């Protein structure tokens, strides 16, 4: 079941996680939203993990390890 997620375009946040631009916020929200139709339930921790990975502060292997741990 699809549920609405908190998006604040004024403060550039998705589930409380700050983005650097409106374009980045909208692209991420669209990607997360489309996966929600398949049963994915995003959390602020997963959004923050994604932002950190995109910034390069989390390696791909650490990203995948944390993503797997959060999916259980």
Protein backbone atom coordinates (compact mmCIF):
# COMPACT_ATOMS: atom_id res chain seq x y z
CA UNK A 1 0.00 0.00 0.00
CA UNK A 2 1.30 3.43 -0.93
CA UNK A 3 1.65 5.97 1.85
CA UNK A 4 2.49 9.64 1.60
CA UNK A 5 5.99 10.70 2.61
CA UNK A 6 6.97 14.03 4.14
CA UNK A 7 8.45 16.36 1.49
CA UNK A 8 9.22 19.99 2.33
CA UNK A 9 10.21 21.87 -0.83
CA UNK A 10 10.72 25.14 1.07
CA UNK A 11 13.29 23.68 3.49
CA UNK A 12 14.51 21.07 0.95
CA UNK A 13 13.83 18.06 3.17
CA UNK A 14 12.55 14.54 2.57
CA UNK A 15 11.48 12.75 5.76
CA UNK A 16 13.44 15.43 7.62
CA UNK A 17 16.69 14.87 5.69
CA UNK A 18 18.17 18.03 4.15
CA UNK A 19 19.04 18.20 0.43
CA UNK A 20 21.34 20.68 -1.28
CA UNK A 21 18.95 21.54 -4.12
CA UNK A 22 15.33 21.28 -5.15
CA UNK A 23 16.31 19.22 -8.20
CA UNK A 24 18.14 16.67 -6.02
CA UNK A 25 15.20 16.54 -3.60
CA UNK A 26 12.63 16.01 -6.36
CA UNK A 27 14.67 13.35 -8.17
CA UNK A 28 15.20 11.44 -4.94
CA UNK A 29 11.55 11.77 -3.90
CA UNK A 30 10.44 10.49 -7.31
CA UNK A 31 12.80 7.51 -7.12
CA UNK A 32 11.75 6.61 -3.59
CA UNK A 33 8.08 7.18 -4.44
CA UNK A 34 8.12 4.90 -7.47
CA UNK A 35 9.71 2.13 -5.39
CA UNK A 36 7.01 2.54 -2.77
CA UNK A 37 4.51 1.16 -5.27
CA UNK A 38 6.53 -2.06 -5.10
CA UNK A 39 6.31 -2.18 -1.30
CA UNK A 40 9.44 -0.22 -0.33
CA UNK A 41 8.98 1.80 2.87
CA UNK A 42 11.59 4.56 3.17
CA UNK A 43 12.81 5.82 6.51
CA UNK A 44 14.74 8.96 7.37
CA UNK A 45 17.76 6.73 8.09
CA UNK A 46 17.64 5.25 4.59
CA UNK A 47 17.21 8.69 3.02
CA UNK A 48 20.21 9.99 5.01
CA UNK A 49 22.25 6.94 3.98
CA UNK A 50 21.43 7.64 0.34
CA UNK A 51 22.37 11.34 0.67
CA UNK A 52 25.67 10.43 2.36
CA UNK A 53 26.43 7.89 -0.37
CA UNK A 54 25.68 10.43 -3.12
CA UNK A 55 28.01 12.94 -1.41
CA UNK A 56 30.76 10.32 -1.32
CA UNK A 57 31.00 10.13 2.47
CA UNK A 58 29.84 6.49 2.47
CA UNK A 59 31.54 3.90 0.27
CA UNK A 60 29.45 1.71 -1.99
CA UNK A 61 30.22 -1.42 0.04
CA UNK A 62 29.26 0.34 3.30
CA UNK A 63 26.13 1.70 1.59
CA UNK A 64 25.07 -1.78 0.51
CA UNK A 65 25.86 -3.28 3.93
CA UNK A 66 23.81 -0.59 5.71
CA UNK A 67 21.01 -0.86 3.17
CA UNK A 68 20.81 -4.62 3.71
CA UNK A 69 20.85 -4.20 7.50
CA UNK A 70 18.00 -1.66 7.31
CA UNK A 71 15.87 -3.90 5.12
CA UNK A 72 15.47 -6.62 7.75
